[in-house]
PDB file of N, CA and C in Angstrom:
ATOM      1  N   MET A   1       0.093  32.315   6.844  1.00  0.00           N
ATOM      2  CA  MET A   1       0.616  31.615   5.785  1.00  0.00           C
ATOM      3  C   MET A   1      -0.374  31.768   4.595  1.00  0.00           C
ATOM      4  N   ASN A   2       0.428  31.929   3.469  1.00  0.00           N
ATOM      5  CA  ASN A   2      -0.459  32.204   2.283  1.00  0.00           C
ATOM      6  C   ASN A   2      -0.903  30.872   1.647  1.00  0.00           C
ATOM      7  N   ILE A   3      -1.778  30.935   0.748  1.00  0.00           N
ATOM      8  CA  ILE A   3      -2.394  29.763   0.075  1.00  0.00           C
ATOM      9  C   ILE A   3      -1.211  28.898  -0.544  1.00  0.00           C
ATOM     10  N   LYS A   4      -0.296  29.481  -1.293  1.00  0.00           N
ATOM     11  CA  LYS A   4       0.792  28.650  -1.892  1.00  0.00           C
ATOM     12  C   LYS A   4       1.645  28.008  -0.807  1.00  0.00           C
ATOM     13  N   SER A   5       1.989  28.634   0.213  1.00  0.00           N
ATOM     14  CA  SER A   5       2.730  27.987   1.298  1.00  0.00           C
ATOM     15  C   SER A   5       1.936  26.863   1.938  1.00  0.00           C
ATOM     16  N   GLU A   6       0.651  27.071   2.071  1.00  0.00           N
ATOM     17  CA  GLU A   6      -0.202  25.966   2.652  1.00  0.00           C
ATOM     18  C   GLU A   6      -0.222  24.762   1.724  1.00  0.00           C
ATOM     19  N   LEU A   7      -0.360  25.074   0.452  1.00  0.00           N
ATOM     20  CA  LEU A   7      -0.354  23.926  -0.595  1.00  0.00           C
ATOM     21  C   LEU A   7       1.002  23.241  -0.551  1.00  0.00           C
ATOM     22  N   GLU A   8       2.070  23.998  -0.476  1.00  0.00           N
ATOM     23  CA  GLU A   8       3.391  23.350  -0.521  1.00  0.00           C
ATOM     24  C   GLU A   8       3.519  22.473   0.712  1.00  0.00           C
ATOM     25  N   ASN A   9       3.082  22.897   1.894  1.00  0.00           N
ATOM     26  CA  ASN A   9       3.134  22.219   3.050  1.00  0.00           C
ATOM     27  C   ASN A   9       2.354  20.934   3.006  1.00  0.00           C
ATOM     28  N   SER A  10       1.116  21.110   2.413  1.00  0.00           N
ATOM     29  CA  SER A  10       0.200  19.921   2.318  1.00  0.00           C
ATOM     30  C   SER A  10       0.848  18.870   1.336  1.00  0.00           C
ATOM     31  N   LEU A  11       1.516  19.403   0.252  1.00  0.00           N
ATOM     32  CA  LEU A  11       2.134  18.568  -0.687  1.00  0.00           C
ATOM     33  C   LEU A  11       3.275  17.761   0.031  1.00  0.00           C
ATOM     34  N   LYS A  12       3.976  18.425   0.827  1.00  0.00           N
ATOM     35  CA  LYS A  12       5.096  17.796   1.517  1.00  0.00           C
ATOM     36  C   LYS A  12       4.599  16.643   2.460  1.00  0.00           C
ATOM     37  N   VAL A  13       3.534  17.021   3.238  1.00  0.00           N
ATOM     38  CA  VAL A  13       3.001  15.982   4.123  1.00  0.00           C
ATOM     39  C   VAL A  13       2.393  14.782   3.353  1.00  0.00           C
ATOM     40  N   LEU A  14       1.788  15.061   2.226  1.00  0.00           N
ATOM     41  CA  LEU A  14       1.207  14.005   1.502  1.00  0.00           C
ATOM     42  C   LEU A  14       2.259  13.160   0.875  1.00  0.00           C
ATOM     43  N   GLU A  15       3.320  13.764   0.350  1.00  0.00           N
ATOM     44  CA  GLU A  15       4.432  13.017  -0.229  1.00  0.00           C
ATOM     45  C   GLU A  15       5.009  12.048   0.857  1.00  0.00           C
ATOM     46  N   GLU A  16       5.178  12.504   1.986  1.00  0.00           N
ATOM     47  CA  GLU A  16       5.725  11.735   3.075  1.00  0.00           C
ATOM     48  C   GLU A  16       4.782  10.479   3.373  1.00  0.00           C
ATOM     49  N   GLU A  17       3.505  10.893   3.368  1.00  0.00           N
ATOM     50  CA  GLU A  17       2.474   9.784   3.619  1.00  0.00           C
ATOM     51  C   GLU A  17       2.559   8.733   2.485  1.00  0.00           C
ATOM     52  N   TYR A  18       2.612   9.286   1.277  1.00  0.00           N
ATOM     53  CA  TYR A  18       2.688   8.402   0.129  1.00  0.00           C
ATOM     54  C   TYR A  18       3.843   7.418   0.123  1.00  0.00           C
ATOM     55  N   ARG A  19       5.060   8.058   0.459  1.00  0.00           N
ATOM     56  CA  ARG A  19       6.248   7.156   0.531  1.00  0.00           C
ATOM     57  C   ARG A  19       6.126   6.071   1.638  1.00  0.00           C
ATOM     58  N   PHE A  20       5.593   6.472   2.747  1.00  0.00           N
ATOM     59  CA  PHE A  20       5.383   5.460   3.842  1.00  0.00           C
ATOM     60  C   PHE A  20       4.503   4.283   3.358  1.00  0.00           C
ATOM     61  N   TRP A  21       3.356   4.682   2.830  1.00  0.00           N
ATOM     62  CA  TRP A  21       2.384   3.607   2.369  1.00  0.00           C
ATOM     63  C   TRP A  21       2.931   2.795   1.231  1.00  0.00           C
ATOM     64  N   MET A  22       3.767   3.419   0.298  1.00  0.00           N
ATOM     65  CA  MET A  22       4.340   2.618  -0.699  1.00  0.00           C
ATOM     66  C   MET A  22       5.275   1.596  -0.197  1.00  0.00           C
ATOM     67  N   VAL A  23       6.137   1.976   0.810  1.00  0.00           N
ATOM     68  CA  VAL A  23       7.107   0.972   1.427  1.00  0.00           C
ATOM     69  C   VAL A  23       6.317  -0.081   2.093  1.00  0.00           C
ATOM     70  N   GLU A  24       5.230   0.248   2.895  1.00  0.00           N
ATOM     71  CA  GLU A  24       4.462  -0.711   3.592  1.00  0.00           C
ATOM     72  C   GLU A  24       3.745  -1.685   2.650  1.00  0.00           C
ATOM     73  N   THR A  25       3.259  -1.207   1.517  1.00  0.00           N
ATOM     74  CA  THR A  25       2.661  -2.056   0.547  1.00  0.00           C
ATOM     75  C   THR A  25       3.594  -2.926  -0.158  1.00  0.00           C
ATOM     76  N   ILE A  26       4.779  -2.493  -0.391  1.00  0.00           N
ATOM     77  CA  ILE A  26       5.893  -3.306  -1.029  1.00  0.00           C
ATOM     78  C   ILE A  26       6.260  -4.433  -0.142  1.00  0.00           C
ATOM     79  N   LYS A  27       6.454  -4.041   1.236  1.00  0.00           N
ATOM     80  CA  LYS A  27       6.847  -5.071   2.175  1.00  0.00           C
ATOM     81  C   LYS A  27       5.798  -6.121   2.413  1.00  0.00           C
ATOM     82  N   MET A  28       4.500  -5.656   2.453  1.00  0.00           N
ATOM     83  CA  MET A  28       3.359  -6.515   2.531  1.00  0.00           C
ATOM     84  C   MET A  28       3.257  -7.517   1.249  1.00  0.00           C
ATOM     85  N   GLY A  29       3.447  -6.945   0.108  1.00  0.00           N
ATOM     86  CA  GLY A  29       3.411  -7.697  -1.113  1.00  0.00           C
ATOM     87  C   GLY A  29       4.464  -8.839  -1.047  1.00  0.00           C
ATOM     88  N   ARG A  30       5.661  -8.428  -0.587  1.00  0.00           N
ATOM     89  CA  ARG A  30       6.790  -9.488  -0.549  1.00  0.00           C
ATOM     90  C   ARG A  30       6.427 -10.491   0.593  1.00  0.00           C
ATOM     91  N   GLY A  31       5.824 -10.140   1.633  1.00  0.00           N
ATOM     92  CA  GLY A  31       5.442 -11.016   2.677  1.00  0.00           C
ATOM     93  C   GLY A  31       4.395 -12.076   2.135  1.00  0.00           C
ATOM     94  N   ILE A  32       3.462 -11.447   1.377  1.00  0.00           N
ATOM     95  CA  ILE A  32       2.431 -12.322   0.747  1.00  0.00           C
ATOM     96  C   ILE A  32       3.131 -13.428  -0.160  1.00  0.00           C
ATOM     97  N   GLU A  33       4.070 -12.948  -1.017  1.00  0.00           N
ATOM     98  CA  GLU A  33       4.744 -13.834  -1.904  1.00  0.00           C
ATOM     99  C   GLU A  33       5.528 -14.924  -1.116  1.00  0.00           C
ATOM    100  N   THR A  34       6.142 -14.527  -0.107  1.00  0.00           N
ATOM    101  CA  THR A  34       6.928 -15.499   0.752  1.00  0.00           C
ATOM    102  C   THR A  34       5.957 -16.507   1.347  1.00  0.00           C
ATOM    103  N   MET A  35       4.856 -16.031   1.823  1.00  0.00           N
ATOM    104  CA  MET A  35       3.884 -17.047   2.423  1.00  0.00           C
ATOM    105  C   MET A  35       3.314 -17.953   1.399  1.00  0.00           C
ATOM    106  N   GLU A  36       3.039 -17.460   0.204  1.00  0.00           N
ATOM    107  CA  GLU A  36       2.604 -18.284  -0.887  1.00  0.00           C
ATOM    108  C   GLU A  36       3.595 -19.405  -1.210  1.00  0.00           C
ATOM    109  N   ASP A  37       4.866 -18.943  -1.362  1.00  0.00           N
ATOM    110  CA  ASP A  37       5.968 -19.875  -1.639  1.00  0.00           C
ATOM    111  C   ASP A  37       6.138 -20.889  -0.576  1.00  0.00           C
ATOM    112  N   GLU A  38       6.065 -20.488   0.679  1.00  0.00           N
ATOM    113  CA  GLU A  38       6.174 -21.429   1.802  1.00  0.00           C
ATOM    114  C   GLU A  38       5.005 -22.407   1.814  1.00  0.00           C
ATOM    115  N   LEU A  39       3.803 -21.928   1.604  1.00  0.00           N
ATOM    116  CA  LEU A  39       2.648 -22.821   1.541  1.00  0.00           C
ATOM    117  C   LEU A  39       2.766 -23.816   0.361  1.00  0.00           C
ATOM    118  N   ALA A  40       3.237 -23.344  -0.756  1.00  0.00           N
ATOM    119  CA  ALA A  40       3.443 -24.246  -1.920  1.00  0.00           C
ATOM    120  C   ALA A  40       4.484 -25.385  -1.639  1.00  0.00           C
ATOM    121  N   GLN A  41       5.572 -24.953  -0.893  1.00  0.00           N
ATOM    122  CA  GLN A  41       6.605 -25.885  -0.663  1.00  0.00           C
ATOM    123  C   GLN A  41       6.250 -26.870   0.475  1.00  0.00           C
ATOM    124  N   HIS A  42       5.501 -26.400   1.427  1.00  0.00           N
ATOM    125  CA  HIS A  42       5.227 -27.255   2.637  1.00  0.00           C
ATOM    126  C   HIS A  42       3.770 -27.628   2.756  1.00  0.00           C
ATOM    127  N   ASP A  43       3.032 -27.603   1.742  1.00  0.00           N
ATOM    128  CA  ASP A  43       1.637 -27.874   1.808  1.00  0.00           C
ATOM    129  C   ASP A  43       1.305 -29.273   2.367  1.00  0.00           C
ATOM    130  N   ASP A  44       2.077 -30.194   1.890  1.00  0.00           N
ATOM    131  CA  ASP A  44       1.835 -31.601   2.445  1.00  0.00           C
ATOM    132  C   ASP A  44       2.295 -31.733   3.859  1.00  0.00           C
ATOM    133  N   ASP A  45       3.386 -31.122   4.261  1.00  0.00           N
ATOM    134  CA  ASP A  45       3.789 -31.176   5.667  1.00  0.00           C
ATOM    135  C   ASP A  45       2.829 -30.522   6.583  1.00  0.00           C
ATOM    136  N   LEU A  46       2.162 -29.497   6.177  1.00  0.00           N
ATOM    137  CA  LEU A  46       1.266 -28.767   7.038  1.00  0.00           C
ATOM    138  C   LEU A  46      -0.102 -29.534   7.372  1.00  0.00           C
ATOM    139  N   GLY A  47      -0.441 -30.385   6.434  1.00  0.00           N
ATOM    140  CA  GLY A  47      -1.695 -31.027   6.563  1.00  0.00           C
ATOM    141  C   GLY A  47      -2.833 -30.183   5.888  1.00  0.00           C
ATOM    142  N   LEU A  48      -3.914 -30.727   5.481  1.00  0.00           N
ATOM    143  CA  LEU A  48      -4.939 -30.114   4.748  1.00  0.00           C
ATOM    144  C   LEU A  48      -5.597 -28.944   5.577  1.00  0.00           C
ATOM    145  N   ALA A  49      -5.880 -29.299   6.854  1.00  0.00           N
ATOM    146  CA  ALA A  49      -6.692 -28.269   7.712  1.00  0.00           C
ATOM    147  C   ALA A  49      -5.801 -27.049   7.996  1.00  0.00           C
ATOM    148  N   ARG A  50      -4.526 -27.273   8.292  1.00  0.00           N
ATOM    149  CA  ARG A  50      -3.611 -26.106   8.502  1.00  0.00           C
ATOM    150  C   ARG A  50      -3.427 -25.341   7.299  1.00  0.00           C
ATOM    151  N   ALA A  51      -3.181 -26.006   6.214  1.00  0.00           N
ATOM    152  CA  ALA A  51      -2.867 -25.306   4.878  1.00  0.00           C
ATOM    153  C   ALA A  51      -4.034 -24.566   4.497  1.00  0.00           C
ATOM    154  N   ALA A  52      -5.290 -25.032   4.707  1.00  0.00           N
ATOM    155  CA  ALA A  52      -6.504 -24.334   4.324  1.00  0.00           C
ATOM    156  C   ALA A  52      -6.728 -23.123   5.269  1.00  0.00           C
ATOM    157  N   ASP A  53      -6.428 -23.264   6.448  1.00  0.00           N
ATOM    158  CA  ASP A  53      -6.423 -22.116   7.427  1.00  0.00           C
ATOM    159  C   ASP A  53      -5.425 -21.035   6.998  1.00  0.00           C
ATOM    160  N   LEU A  54      -4.289 -21.448   6.680  1.00  0.00           N
ATOM    161  CA  LEU A  54      -3.274 -20.428   6.292  1.00  0.00           C
ATOM    162  C   LEU A  54      -3.643 -19.810   4.960  1.00  0.00           C
ATOM    163  N   ARG A  55      -4.306 -20.463   4.019  1.00  0.00           N
ATOM    164  CA  ARG A  55      -4.749 -19.879   2.853  1.00  0.00           C
ATOM    165  C   ARG A  55      -5.875 -18.890   3.018  1.00  0.00           C
ATOM    166  N   ARG A  56      -6.754 -19.203   4.035  1.00  0.00           N
ATOM    167  CA  ARG A  56      -7.821 -18.207   4.362  1.00  0.00           C
ATOM    168  C   ARG A  56      -7.211 -17.022   4.857  1.00  0.00           C
ATOM    169  N   ARG A  57      -6.215 -17.150   5.787  1.00  0.00           N
ATOM    170  CA  ARG A  57      -5.568 -15.918   6.350  1.00  0.00           C
ATOM    171  C   ARG A  57      -4.855 -15.122   5.221  1.00  0.00           C
ATOM    172  N   LEU A  58      -4.305 -15.826   4.405  1.00  0.00           N
ATOM    173  CA  LEU A  58      -3.520 -15.182   3.315  1.00  0.00           C
ATOM    174  C   LEU A  58      -4.526 -14.376   2.362  1.00  0.00           C
ATOM    175  N   ALA A  59      -5.644 -14.939   2.219  1.00  0.00           N
ATOM    176  CA  ALA A  59      -6.664 -14.198   1.373  1.00  0.00           C
ATOM    177  C   ALA A  59      -7.016 -12.970   2.126  1.00  0.00           C
ATOM    178  N   SER A  60      -7.244 -12.895   3.355  1.00  0.00           N
ATOM    179  CA  SER A  60      -7.530 -11.718   4.086  1.00  0.00           C
ATOM    180  C   SER A  60      -6.466 -10.710   4.024  1.00  0.00           C
ATOM    181  N   ILE A  61      -5.217 -11.160   4.111  1.00  0.00           N
ATOM    182  CA  ILE A  61      -4.087 -10.257   3.985  1.00  0.00           C
ATOM    183  C   ILE A  61      -4.051  -9.655   2.605  1.00  0.00           C
ATOM    184  N   ARG A  62      -4.276 -10.446   1.534  1.00  0.00           N
ATOM    185  CA  ARG A  62      -4.343  -9.949   0.216  1.00  0.00           C
ATOM    186  C   ARG A  62      -5.349  -8.881   0.007  1.00  0.00           C
ATOM    187  N   GLU A  63      -6.559  -9.039   0.700  1.00  0.00           N
ATOM    188  CA  GLU A  63      -7.581  -8.036   0.641  1.00  0.00           C
ATOM    189  C   GLU A  63      -7.178  -6.691   1.218  1.00  0.00           C
ATOM    190  N   LYS A  64      -6.421  -6.851   2.409  1.00  0.00           N
ATOM    191  CA  LYS A  64      -5.936  -5.617   3.013  1.00  0.00           C
ATOM    192  C   LYS A  64      -4.835  -4.991   2.106  1.00  0.00           C
ATOM    193  N   HIS A  65      -4.094  -5.737   1.464  1.00  0.00           N
ATOM    194  CA  HIS A  65      -3.034  -5.353   0.609  1.00  0.00           C
ATOM    195  C   HIS A  65      -3.721  -4.513  -0.562  1.00  0.00           C
ATOM    196  N   GLU A  66      -4.763  -5.095  -1.115  1.00  0.00           N
ATOM    197  CA  GLU A  66      -5.477  -4.293  -2.206  1.00  0.00           C
ATOM    198  C   GLU A  66      -6.047  -3.042  -1.759  1.00  0.00           C
ATOM    199  N   MET A  67      -6.586  -3.050  -0.473  1.00  0.00           N
ATOM    200  CA  MET A  67      -7.174  -1.720   0.066  1.00  0.00           C
ATOM    201  C   MET A  67      -6.102  -0.678   0.208  1.00  0.00           C
ATOM    202  N   LEU A  68      -4.775  -1.145   0.725  1.00  0.00           N
ATOM    203  CA  LEU A  68      -3.796  -0.226   0.720  1.00  0.00           C
ATOM    204  C   LEU A  68      -3.360   0.303  -0.566  1.00  0.00           C
ATOM    205  N   GLU A  69      -3.358  -0.557  -1.602  1.00  0.00           N
ATOM    206  CA  GLU A  69      -3.007  -0.124  -2.922  1.00  0.00           C
ATOM    207  C   GLU A  69      -4.054   0.908  -3.470  1.00  0.00           C
ATOM    208  N   GLU A  70      -5.397   0.748  -3.102  1.00  0.00           N
ATOM    209  CA  GLU A  70      -6.353   1.715  -3.492  1.00  0.00           C
ATOM    210  C   GLU A  70      -6.177   3.049  -2.774  1.00  0.00           C
ATOM    211  N   LYS A  71      -5.756   3.010  -1.528  1.00  0.00           N
ATOM    212  CA  LYS A  71      -5.526   4.252  -0.831  1.00  0.00           C
ATOM    213  C   LYS A  71      -4.355   4.918  -1.378  1.00  0.00           C
ATOM    214  N   ILE A  72      -3.329   4.163  -1.719  1.00  0.00           N
ATOM    215  CA  ILE A  72      -2.106   4.794  -2.398  1.00  0.00           C
ATOM    216  C   ILE A  72      -2.570   5.481  -3.687  1.00  0.00           C
ATOM    217  N   LEU A  73      -3.348   4.852  -4.459  1.00  0.00           N
ATOM    218  CA  LEU A  73      -3.798   5.518  -5.693  1.00  0.00           C
ATOM    219  C   LEU A  73      -4.509   6.813  -5.421  1.00  0.00           C
ATOM    220  N   ALA A  74      -5.369   6.806  -4.300  1.00  0.00           N
ATOM    221  CA  ALA A  74      -6.030   8.087  -3.974  1.00  0.00           C
ATOM    222  C   ALA A  74      -5.071   9.205  -3.545  1.00  0.00           C
ATOM    223  N   VAL A  75      -4.104   8.757  -2.820  1.00  0.00           N
ATOM    224  CA  VAL A  75      -3.087   9.758  -2.354  1.00  0.00           C
ATOM    225  C   VAL A  75      -2.335  10.231  -3.502  1.00  0.00           C
ATOM    226  N   ARG A  76      -1.930   9.376  -4.496  1.00  0.00           N
ATOM    227  CA  ARG A  76      -1.243   9.831  -5.613  1.00  0.00           C
ATOM    228  C   ARG A  76      -2.061  10.813  -6.436  1.00  0.00           C
ATOM    229  N   HIS A  77      -3.375  10.506  -6.624  1.00  0.00           N
ATOM    230  CA  HIS A  77      -4.196  11.354  -7.340  1.00  0.00           C
ATOM    231  C   HIS A  77      -4.347  12.812  -6.611  1.00  0.00           C
ATOM    232  N   ARG A  78      -4.358  12.795  -5.321  1.00  0.00           N
ATOM    233  CA  ARG A  78      -4.346  14.021  -4.622  1.00  0.00           C
ATOM    234  C   ARG A  78      -2.993  14.771  -4.789  1.00  0.00           C
ATOM    235  N   LEU A  79      -1.942  14.052  -4.724  1.00  0.00           N
ATOM    236  CA  LEU A  79      -0.637  14.614  -5.012  1.00  0.00           C
ATOM    237  C   LEU A  79      -0.614  15.369  -6.386  1.00  0.00           C
ATOM    238  N   GLU A  80      -1.085  14.605  -7.304  1.00  0.00           N
ATOM    239  CA  GLU A  80      -1.165  15.271  -8.678  1.00  0.00           C
ATOM    240  C   GLU A  80      -1.993  16.506  -8.736  1.00  0.00           C
ATOM    241  N   GLU A  81      -3.114  16.495  -8.071  1.00  0.00           N
ATOM    242  CA  GLU A  81      -3.980  17.669  -7.977  1.00  0.00           C
ATOM    243  C   GLU A  81      -3.223  18.837  -7.336  1.00  0.00           C
ATOM    244  N   LEU A  82      -2.581  18.516  -6.202  1.00  0.00           N
ATOM    245  CA  LEU A  82      -1.751  19.620  -5.580  1.00  0.00           C
ATOM    246  C   LEU A  82      -0.711  20.171  -6.374  1.00  0.00           C
ATOM    247  N   ARG A  83       0.028  19.347  -7.049  1.00  0.00           N
ATOM    248  CA  ARG A  83       1.109  19.822  -7.877  1.00  0.00           C
ATOM    249  C   ARG A  83       0.607  20.652  -8.997  1.00  0.00           C
ATOM    250  N   GLU A  84      -0.519  20.274  -9.630  1.00  0.00           N
ATOM    251  CA  GLU A  84      -1.149  21.055 -10.712  1.00  0.00           C
ATOM    252  C   GLU A  84      -1.534  22.412 -10.094  1.00  0.00           C
ATOM    253  N   ARG A  85      -2.178  22.571  -9.043  1.00  0.00           N
ATOM    254  CA  ARG A  85      -2.505  23.757  -8.469  1.00  0.00           C
ATOM    255  C   ARG A  85      -1.320  24.629  -8.150  1.00  0.00           C
ATOM    256  N   LEU A  86      -0.280  24.074  -7.640  1.00  0.00           N
ATOM    257  CA  LEU A  86       0.911  24.816  -7.391  1.00  0.00           C
ATOM    258  C   LEU A  86       1.560  25.357  -8.642  1.00  0.00           C
ATOM    259  N   GLU A  87       1.567  24.560  -9.718  1.00  0.00           N
ATOM    260  CA  GLU A  87       2.012  25.028 -11.092  1.00  0.00           C
ATOM    261  C   GLU A  87       1.259  26.213 -11.551  1.00  0.00           C
ATOM    262  N   GLN A  88      -0.100  26.134 -11.307  1.00  0.00           N
ATOM    263  CA  GLN A  88      -0.946  27.156 -11.855  1.00  0.00           C
ATOM    264  C   GLN A  88      -0.636  28.459 -11.063  1.00  0.00           C
ATOM    265  N   MET A  89      -0.287  28.347  -9.829  1.00  0.00           N
ATOM    266  CA  MET A  89      -0.018  29.473  -9.019  1.00  0.00           C
ATOM    267  C   MET A  89       1.328  30.240  -9.440  1.00  0.00           C
ATOM    268  N   GLY A  90       2.146  29.329 -10.080  1.00  0.00           N
ATOM    269  CA  GLY A  90       3.372  29.835 -10.581  1.00  0.00           C
ATOM    270  C   GLY A  90       4.458  30.097  -9.561  1.00  0.00           C
TER     271      GLY A  90
END
């Protein structure tokens, strides 16, 4: 396999990974929003201790969401690099 074919294959694999993580991050973001809405609506029903526990868990999920977004940016950067290299190869 020549270098251009290897780059094209790497680009394809990376694009698939990028799409997967984008979907996962979107789903996670929507889940976070839903949890926040539920907490806001049922804060009193849950009680202070349970609401505080859920908010701590939600904070942890937000951190993971942010890490995924950072990974997505890194993958996007790598995709751009690969596309530029392929364009230079003509």
